[in-house]
Amino acid sequence: MLIWVKLAAFRALEVVYAALGRRVFRTSRCVIPSVRLLSGCLFIALLSLLSSSCVRPSVPPRSGAAPKTSAASSCTIYLSRGDFARQVGFLVAETHGMYRGAGLTVRVVFKDSYADVSAAVSADSTSLGVLPAQDVVHFIAGGAKYKAVDVVMSKSPLLIVTRKIGQTMFLSGLVGRRLLVPKGTFVGPIVRAMLTNAGVSGLPEVVAVDNPAEAFARRAADAAVVDSLTDLPLLASKGVNVVRFFPDEYRVHIFGDVMVANDKLLGTGSGVVANVVNKTRAAWMHAFTDPEDVLATLRVYHRKEIDWQREKSALESVVELILDEDGKIPWVRTGDWQRVIALFPTSEGGGLSPRDVMVDTFVKSGAEAVSQK
């Protein structure tokens, strides 16, 4: 429409120019210089109109518009499907434009198991992922090509539950009994350390199932390793009263989920990794202040029937697992990893050093390099 208006104006100027020329020539020959001057002014005006019709006016970017990104600032984050409360920081950072605001193009991909997440991050040179700390040790010992760059949970959500009363009687009576554990994650070292520190010799009969809490509720075993974020609310909803045994009570100090990054990305895109770490941490802090907004975010990703009240309860519980006593997300140090590695036999990862499973330094904020000691 703007172009047609300008063309009409151009035609009008032509008519005016012709009319003035005819009138001036009929009046007097002495005004020819004035006509030439007028012609020049009209010509300049016409050029201005034509040029403005050919150049698109600059439009300021929309608020929140993504800055230009390059392949070097793109990455994929692999998450395990269904662990909603554990995914919150990443999903909030993506849906709220926190990654985009840092110049990152981030793609979130869900996998069916931790083993699938591990395989994907190991194979994808521009990727990060989230895995339990004990799984990181196991997979890296098996040749996985990534390292831990940040802690997601400073405490493990895993615990043992039983219907029997009394910690000493339960732990000593666990030997030879069925203990349900989640399939696809490596909780054996944690269970062994808890029993050893309680003075119990011998091991239970470990049975890996898809959902230990559901099977435990059906009385498929006397004890189970469950997740405090999702399984305890489930058991409570089914009216199952349990006795809880946390690893910390038996001097087994292990953190929970960990963010890992592919080795090649750490070598060529450390700035990308640092930005993802910092923006994810900021997203977690936002989640703790606005849980209703977080539930809306989860609905964007998971368009199926979900017990949102249960998810809200899990989100409230995750606060205790992520934040330290000062209300901050702590930075994992080499000593923390050494304690996790020490849980494993040498043949299963116990021979690794912290340097084998985590980066020595990475950016904490801005350009500040922080040594993880």
Protein backbone atom coordinates (compact mmCIF):
# COMPACT_ATOMS: atom_id res chain seq x y z
CA MET A 1 0.00 0.00 0.00
CA LEU A 2 2.81 2.44 0.87
CA ILE A 3 4.41 1.93 -2.54
CA TRP A 4 1.13 2.76 -4.36
CA VAL A 5 0.72 5.98 -2.35
CA LYS A 6 4.24 7.06 -3.27
CA LEU A 7 3.67 6.31 -6.95
CA ALA A 8 0.53 8.45 -6.87
CA ALA A 9 2.49 11.30 -5.27
CA PHE A 10 5.14 10.93 -7.97
CA ARG A 11 2.44 11.28 -10.69
CA ALA A 12 0.99 14.35 -8.97
CA LEU A 13 4.38 16.08 -8.96
CA GLU A 14 4.73 15.37 -12.66
CA VAL A 15 1.41 17.12 -13.33
CA VAL A 16 2.35 20.12 -11.18
CA TYR A 17 5.70 20.37 -12.90
CA ALA A 18 4.10 20.35 -16.37
CA ALA A 19 1.45 22.91 -15.43
CA LEU A 20 3.96 25.33 -13.90
CA GLY A 21 6.19 25.00 -16.93
CA ARG A 22 3.39 25.85 -19.39
CA ARG A 23 2.22 28.80 -17.32
CA VAL A 24 5.68 30.27 -16.89
CA PHE A 25 6.56 30.03 -20.57
CA ARG A 26 3.32 31.83 -21.54
CA THR A 27 3.98 34.63 -19.01
CA SER A 28 7.53 35.70 -19.77
CA ARG A 29 10.80 34.41 -21.07
CA CYS A 30 12.72 36.09 -18.28
CA VAL A 31 11.58 33.53 -15.71
CA ILE A 32 13.20 30.53 -17.39
CA PRO A 33 15.99 30.38 -14.75
CA SER A 34 13.33 30.17 -12.06
CA VAL A 35 11.65 27.30 -13.89
CA ARG A 36 14.97 25.50 -14.08
CA LEU A 37 15.47 26.01 -10.36
CA LEU A 38 11.99 24.72 -9.69
CA SER A 39 12.62 21.75 -11.96
CA GLY A 40 15.75 20.88 -10.03
CA CYS A 41 13.91 21.00 -6.70
CA LEU A 42 11.10 18.81 -8.03
CA PHE A 43 13.61 16.36 -9.47
CA ILE A 44 15.36 16.02 -6.08
CA ALA A 45 11.99 15.52 -4.36
CA LEU A 46 11.06 12.81 -6.83
CA LEU A 47 14.36 11.01 -6.29
CA SER A 48 13.77 11.13 -2.55
CA LEU A 49 10.35 9.56 -2.93
CA LEU A 50 11.63 6.84 -5.22
CA SER A 51 14.55 5.92 -2.98
CA SER A 52 12.38 5.79 0.13
CA SER A 53 9.98 3.45 -1.63
CA CYS A 54 12.79 1.02 -2.42
CA VAL A 55 14.35 0.84 1.08
CA ARG A 56 12.54 -1.07 3.83
CA PRO A 57 12.44 1.01 7.02
CA SER A 58 14.36 -0.49 9.92
CA VAL A 59 12.10 -2.18 12.49
CA PRO A 60 13.28 -2.59 16.06
CA PRO A 61 13.34 -6.24 17.19
CA ARG A 62 10.36 -7.49 19.12
CA SER A 63 10.74 -7.67 22.85
CA GLY A 64 12.16 -11.06 23.75
CA ALA A 65 13.23 -11.81 20.20
CA ALA A 66 16.06 -14.33 20.03
CA PRO A 67 19.51 -12.95 19.20
CA LYS A 68 21.31 -14.42 16.26
CA THR A 69 23.03 -17.66 17.11
CA SER A 70 25.58 -19.81 15.36
CA ALA A 71 26.17 -23.53 15.30
CA ALA A 72 28.85 -22.96 17.95
CA SER A 73 26.16 -21.74 20.39
CA SER A 74 23.71 -24.59 19.77
CA CYS A 75 23.37 -27.67 21.94
CA THR A 76 21.01 -30.46 22.94
CA ILE A 77 20.08 -31.39 26.49
CA TYR A 78 19.01 -35.00 27.04
CA LEU A 79 16.66 -35.76 29.94
CA SER A 80 15.06 -38.95 31.21
CA ARG A 81 11.37 -39.11 30.39
CA GLY A 82 8.88 -38.74 33.22
CA ASP A 83 11.10 -37.38 36.00
CA PHE A 84 9.21 -34.11 36.01
CA ALA A 85 10.44 -32.57 39.26
CA ARG A 86 14.05 -33.26 38.26
CA GLN A 87 13.60 -31.51 34.89
CA VAL A 88 12.17 -28.22 36.12
CA GLY A 89 15.30 -26.06 35.91
CA PHE A 90 15.98 -27.03 32.30
CA LEU A 91 12.39 -26.69 31.12
CA VAL A 92 11.89 -23.31 32.78
CA ALA A 93 15.14 -22.00 31.29
CA GLU A 94 14.01 -23.11 27.83
CA THR A 95 10.38 -21.96 27.92
CA HIS A 96 11.16 -18.63 29.62
CA GLY A 97 13.85 -17.68 27.11
CA MET A 98 16.73 -17.79 29.58
CA TYR A 99 18.90 -19.86 27.25
CA ARG A 100 17.84 -17.77 24.26
CA GLY A 101 18.67 -14.55 26.10
CA ALA A 102 22.24 -15.82 26.54
CA GLY A 103 22.57 -16.39 22.79
CA LEU A 104 21.98 -20.13 23.04
CA THR A 105 19.87 -22.35 20.83
CA VAL A 106 18.94 -25.27 23.10
CA ARG A 107 16.95 -28.34 22.11
CA VAL A 108 15.50 -30.52 24.90
CA VAL A 109 15.16 -34.21 24.04
CA PHE A 110 13.62 -36.89 26.26
CA LYS A 111 14.95 -40.43 26.46
CA ASP A 112 13.33 -43.52 27.95
CA SER A 113 16.09 -44.40 30.43
CA TYR A 114 19.31 -43.17 31.99
CA ALA A 115 21.21 -45.61 29.81
CA ASP A 116 19.69 -43.94 26.74
CA VAL A 117 20.62 -40.50 28.08
CA SER A 118 24.19 -41.66 28.67
CA ALA A 119 24.51 -43.13 25.18
CA ALA A 120 23.08 -40.00 23.55
CA VAL A 121 25.38 -37.55 25.36
CA SER A 122 28.39 -39.76 24.71
CA ALA A 123 27.63 -39.84 20.97
CA ASP A 124 26.48 -36.25 20.44
CA SER A 125 29.43 -33.83 20.42
CA THR A 126 27.19 -30.80 21.08
CA SER A 127 25.17 -32.18 23.97
CA LEU A 128 24.63 -32.19 27.70
CA GLY A 129 22.49 -34.45 29.87
CA VAL A 130 21.36 -35.25 33.39
CA LEU A 131 22.19 -38.48 35.22
CA PRO A 132 22.33 -39.70 38.84
CA ALA A 133 25.82 -39.34 40.32
CA GLN A 134 26.32 -43.09 40.78
CA ASP A 135 25.31 -43.71 37.16
CA VAL A 136 27.88 -41.17 35.96
CA VAL A 137 30.65 -43.16 37.65
CA HIS A 138 29.35 -46.45 36.24
CA PHE A 139 29.01 -45.20 32.66
CA ILE A 140 32.32 -43.34 32.57
CA ALA A 141 34.05 -46.46 33.90
CA GLY A 142 32.46 -48.22 30.92
CA GLY A 143 33.89 -45.71 28.43
CA ALA A 144 31.28 -42.94 28.20
CA LYS A 145 32.65 -39.76 26.58
CA TYR A 146 31.47 -37.03 28.92
CA LYS A 147 32.23 -35.43 32.27
CA ALA A 148 30.21 -33.87 35.06
CA VAL A 149 30.04 -30.08 34.98
CA ASP A 150 27.52 -29.27 37.69
CA VAL A 151 25.37 -30.75 40.43
CA VAL A 152 21.60 -30.61 40.04
CA MET A 153 20.81 -32.09 43.45
CA SER A 154 23.19 -31.74 46.36
CA LYS A 155 21.51 -34.72 48.06
CA SER A 156 20.34 -38.01 46.61
CA PRO A 157 16.56 -38.57 46.53
CA LEU A 158 17.05 -42.32 47.00
CA LEU A 159 16.15 -44.12 50.21
CA ILE A 160 15.15 -47.58 51.43
CA VAL A 161 11.63 -48.18 52.70
CA THR A 162 10.16 -51.14 54.58
CA ARG A 163 7.06 -52.05 56.54
CA LYS A 164 9.07 -53.58 59.37
CA ILE A 165 9.74 -51.49 62.44
CA GLY A 166 13.20 -50.73 63.78
CA GLN A 167 16.25 -49.79 61.79
CA THR A 168 18.59 -52.41 63.32
CA MET A 169 16.12 -55.26 62.92
CA PHE A 170 15.29 -54.20 59.39
CA LEU A 171 18.81 -53.83 58.11
CA SER A 172 20.05 -57.01 59.71
CA GLY A 173 16.96 -58.87 58.51
CA LEU A 174 17.38 -57.60 54.95
CA VAL A 175 20.12 -60.14 54.18
CA GLY A 176 18.75 -62.77 51.84
CA ARG A 177 15.40 -60.99 51.45
CA ARG A 178 14.00 -59.41 48.28
CA LEU A 179 14.94 -55.76 47.82
CA LEU A 180 13.27 -54.03 44.88
CA VAL A 181 15.43 -51.47 43.08
CA PRO A 182 14.71 -49.24 40.06
CA LYS A 183 15.67 -50.80 36.76
CA GLY A 184 18.31 -48.94 34.77
CA THR A 185 20.08 -47.13 37.60
CA PHE A 186 22.97 -48.34 39.73
CA VAL A 187 21.97 -48.17 43.39
CA GLY A 188 23.86 -51.30 44.50
CA PRO A 189 26.90 -49.38 45.80
CA ILE A 190 24.65 -47.18 47.94
CA VAL A 191 22.82 -50.16 49.46
CA ARG A 192 26.07 -52.03 50.16
CA ALA A 193 27.58 -48.97 51.88
CA MET A 194 24.49 -48.46 54.05
CA LEU A 195 24.52 -52.08 55.20
CA THR A 196 28.26 -52.10 55.82
CA ASN A 197 28.13 -48.89 57.88
CA ALA A 198 25.26 -50.38 59.90
CA GLY A 199 27.44 -53.38 60.76
CA VAL A 200 25.40 -55.80 58.65
CA SER A 201 27.22 -58.57 56.81
CA GLY A 202 25.70 -60.14 53.74
CA LEU A 203 23.50 -58.72 51.02
CA PRO A 204 19.82 -58.83 50.08
CA GLU A 205 18.40 -60.44 46.98
CA VAL A 206 18.30 -57.45 44.65
CA VAL A 207 15.46 -57.46 42.11
CA ALA A 208 15.34 -54.72 39.47
CA VAL A 209 11.84 -53.65 38.43
CA ASP A 210 10.38 -50.77 36.44
CA ASN A 211 8.55 -49.24 39.41
CA PRO A 212 9.73 -50.41 42.85
CA ALA A 213 7.17 -48.28 44.69
CA GLU A 214 4.22 -49.76 42.81
CA ALA A 215 5.51 -53.31 43.35
CA PHE A 216 6.21 -52.59 47.02
CA ALA A 217 2.66 -51.30 47.45
CA ARG A 218 1.43 -54.65 46.06
CA ARG A 219 3.56 -56.45 48.69
CA ALA A 220 5.91 -57.93 46.09
CA ALA A 221 8.79 -57.56 48.59
CA ASP A 222 9.58 -56.51 52.14
CA ALA A 223 11.73 -53.55 51.11
CA ALA A 224 12.44 -51.28 48.18
CA VAL A 225 14.75 -48.51 47.07
CA VAL A 226 12.51 -45.61 46.09
CA ASP A 227 12.72 -41.98 45.04
CA SER A 228 11.61 -39.50 47.68
CA LEU A 229 10.38 -37.02 45.06
CA THR A 230 7.87 -39.23 43.31
CA ASP A 231 7.53 -42.54 45.16
CA LEU A 232 6.83 -41.37 48.71
CA PRO A 233 3.76 -39.36 47.60
CA LEU A 234 2.62 -42.40 45.61
CA LEU A 235 2.92 -44.72 48.59
CA ALA A 236 1.13 -42.22 50.83
CA SER A 237 -1.72 -41.96 48.30
CA LYS A 238 -2.11 -45.75 48.48
CA GLY A 239 -2.20 -45.74 52.27
CA VAL A 240 1.12 -47.58 52.63
CA ASN A 241 2.90 -46.66 55.86
CA VAL A 242 6.64 -47.02 55.58
CA VAL A 243 9.78 -46.69 57.61
CA ARG A 244 12.34 -44.56 55.81
CA PHE A 245 16.11 -45.10 55.80
CA PHE A 246 18.14 -42.34 54.19
CA PRO A 247 21.76 -42.86 53.10
CA ASP A 248 22.94 -39.85 55.15
CA GLU A 249 21.79 -41.63 58.30
CA TYR A 250 24.39 -44.33 57.57
CA ARG A 251 27.23 -41.96 56.66
CA VAL A 252 26.68 -42.46 52.94
CA HIS A 253 26.89 -38.92 51.61
CA ILE A 254 26.07 -38.85 47.93
CA PHE A 255 24.57 -36.13 45.79
CA GLY A 256 21.77 -36.79 43.36
CA ASP A 257 21.42 -35.73 39.75
CA VAL A 258 24.38 -34.30 37.87
CA MET A 259 24.70 -32.34 34.64
CA VAL A 260 27.22 -33.85 32.24
CA ALA A 261 28.67 -32.50 28.98
CA ASN A 262 30.20 -34.31 26.02
CA ASP A 263 34.01 -34.26 26.05
CA LYS A 264 34.21 -32.55 22.65
CA LEU A 265 31.79 -29.83 23.70
CA LEU A 266 33.93 -29.19 26.77
CA GLY A 267 36.94 -28.81 24.47
CA THR A 268 35.39 -26.54 21.86
CA GLY A 269 32.31 -25.02 23.46
CA SER A 270 33.13 -24.43 27.10
CA GLY A 271 31.36 -21.06 26.87
CA VAL A 272 28.17 -22.85 25.84
CA VAL A 273 28.48 -25.23 28.79
CA ALA A 274 29.06 -22.35 31.20
CA ASN A 275 26.01 -20.48 29.91
CA VAL A 276 23.81 -23.56 30.20
CA VAL A 277 25.01 -24.14 33.77
CA ASN A 278 24.45 -20.55 34.87
CA LYS A 279 21.05 -20.13 33.21
CA THR A 280 19.80 -23.48 34.52
CA ARG A 281 20.78 -22.49 38.04
CA ALA A 282 18.90 -19.21 37.64
CA ALA A 283 15.86 -21.13 36.37
CA TRP A 284 15.87 -23.40 39.43
CA MET A 285 15.84 -20.37 41.73
CA HIS A 286 12.90 -18.95 39.78
CA ALA A 287 11.08 -22.26 40.10
CA PHE A 288 11.34 -22.20 43.88
CA THR A 289 9.70 -18.76 44.03
CA ASP A 290 6.85 -19.47 41.58
CA PRO A 291 5.75 -23.15 41.62
CA GLU A 292 2.47 -22.43 39.81
CA ASP A 293 4.42 -21.03 36.88
CA VAL A 294 6.52 -24.19 36.89
CA LEU A 295 3.46 -26.43 36.67
CA ALA A 296 2.31 -24.41 33.66
CA THR A 297 5.73 -25.02 32.12
CA LEU A 298 5.45 -28.77 32.68
CA ARG A 299 2.09 -28.79 30.90
CA VAL A 300 3.79 -27.38 27.80
CA TYR A 301 6.04 -30.42 27.59
CA HIS A 302 3.80 -33.18 28.91
CA ARG A 303 0.39 -33.04 27.27
CA LYS A 304 -1.20 -35.96 29.06
CA GLU A 305 -3.05 -36.64 32.28
CA ILE A 306 -0.68 -36.05 35.17
CA ASP A 307 -1.32 -35.78 38.89
CA TRP A 308 -0.38 -32.12 39.15
CA GLN A 309 -0.90 -32.01 42.92
CA ARG A 310 1.62 -34.81 43.23
CA GLU A 311 4.02 -32.95 40.97
CA LYS A 312 3.66 -29.82 43.09
CA SER A 313 4.44 -31.86 46.19
CA ALA A 314 7.52 -33.29 44.45
CA LEU A 315 8.67 -29.79 43.51
CA GLU A 316 8.37 -28.69 47.12
CA SER A 317 10.45 -31.69 48.16
CA VAL A 318 13.15 -31.05 45.58
CA VAL A 319 14.01 -27.75 47.27
CA GLU A 320 15.57 -29.65 50.18
CA LEU A 321 17.61 -31.78 47.79
CA ILE A 322 19.01 -28.92 45.73
CA LEU A 323 19.66 -26.05 48.12
CA ASP A 324 22.23 -26.09 50.91
CA GLU A 325 21.82 -24.70 54.41
CA ASP A 326 22.36 -21.15 53.09
CA GLY A 327 19.61 -21.47 50.50
CA LYS A 328 22.05 -21.70 47.59
CA ILE A 329 22.87 -24.33 44.99
CA PRO A 330 26.30 -25.64 46.04
CA TRP A 331 29.22 -26.34 43.73
CA VAL A 332 30.46 -29.93 43.74
CA ARG A 333 34.13 -30.35 44.58
CA THR A 334 36.62 -33.12 43.96
CA GLY A 335 36.23 -34.42 47.52
CA ASP A 336 32.51 -34.95 46.92
CA TRP A 337 33.23 -37.03 43.83
CA GLN A 338 35.87 -39.00 45.67
CA ARG A 339 33.24 -40.13 48.18
CA VAL A 340 30.93 -41.27 45.37
CA ILE A 341 33.72 -43.16 43.59
CA ALA A 342 34.75 -44.85 46.83
CA LEU A 343 31.36 -46.59 46.97
CA PHE A 344 32.26 -48.66 43.91
CA PRO A 345 34.51 -51.73 43.75
CA THR A 346 37.62 -51.14 41.67
CA SER A 347 36.25 -53.25 38.83
CA GLU A 348 33.07 -51.12 38.63
CA GLY A 349 34.56 -47.63 38.72
CA GLY A 350 36.23 -47.48 42.12
CA GLY A 351 39.60 -47.08 40.42
CA LEU A 352 38.64 -43.76 38.84
CA SER A 353 39.84 -40.40 40.12
CA PRO A 354 37.70 -37.25 40.38
CA ARG A 355 39.55 -35.91 37.34
CA ASP A 356 38.13 -38.81 35.33
CA VAL A 357 34.53 -37.89 36.04
CA MET A 358 34.47 -34.09 36.35
CA VAL A 359 36.07 -31.06 34.74
CA ASP A 360 38.85 -29.38 36.69
CA THR A 361 37.57 -25.86 36.07
CA PHE A 362 34.64 -24.22 34.40
CA VAL A 363 32.97 -20.82 34.37
CA LYS A 364 30.88 -20.08 37.42
CA SER A 365 29.56 -16.66 36.37
CA GLY A 366 30.62 -14.40 33.57
CA ALA A 367 34.29 -14.93 32.84
CA GLU A 368 35.16 -16.05 36.36
CA ALA A 369 36.94 -19.42 36.26
CA VAL A 370 36.37 -21.48 39.38
CA SER A 371 38.64 -24.34 40.38
CA GLN A 372 36.70 -27.33 41.65
CA LYS A 373 38.86 -28.40 44.59
